[in-house]
Amino acid sequence: MASMHDELRAVIAEIGEIDDPARITDDADLYADLGIDSMQALEIVLEMEKRFDLQVPEDALRDIRSLADAVRLVERLGSAKKG
C-alpha cells in the first residue's frame, strides 16, 4: 500500500502531467519548479479531498507550494477530523 506521501506525489504527477515523479521532491515549488498552474492546483486539492476524505479550506490553497506542504495539510486536517 502506498504511503500518503507517495499517493500525493502520484496525484501531483498525474494532474500536473509530470513524466518523472522523481522531480516532485518535498521542497520543489509546484508552480516555479514543476509548472503547475492554478487550475491544476485546484484539481490537486479536490483530489486530496476525495482520496483522504477531507474538507480543505479555500484559503489553504495558497499555502500549498510543495509536496511537503500538501503532506502537512493532509496530516493536520486528518488529525483535526479525528479529534
Foldseek 3Di string as FASTA:
>chain_A
DDDPLVVLLVLLCVLLVPPDSVQQDQPQFSCPRSPDDPVSLVVSVVVLCVVLVFDDDPVLSVVPGGSNSVVVRSVVRVVVVVD
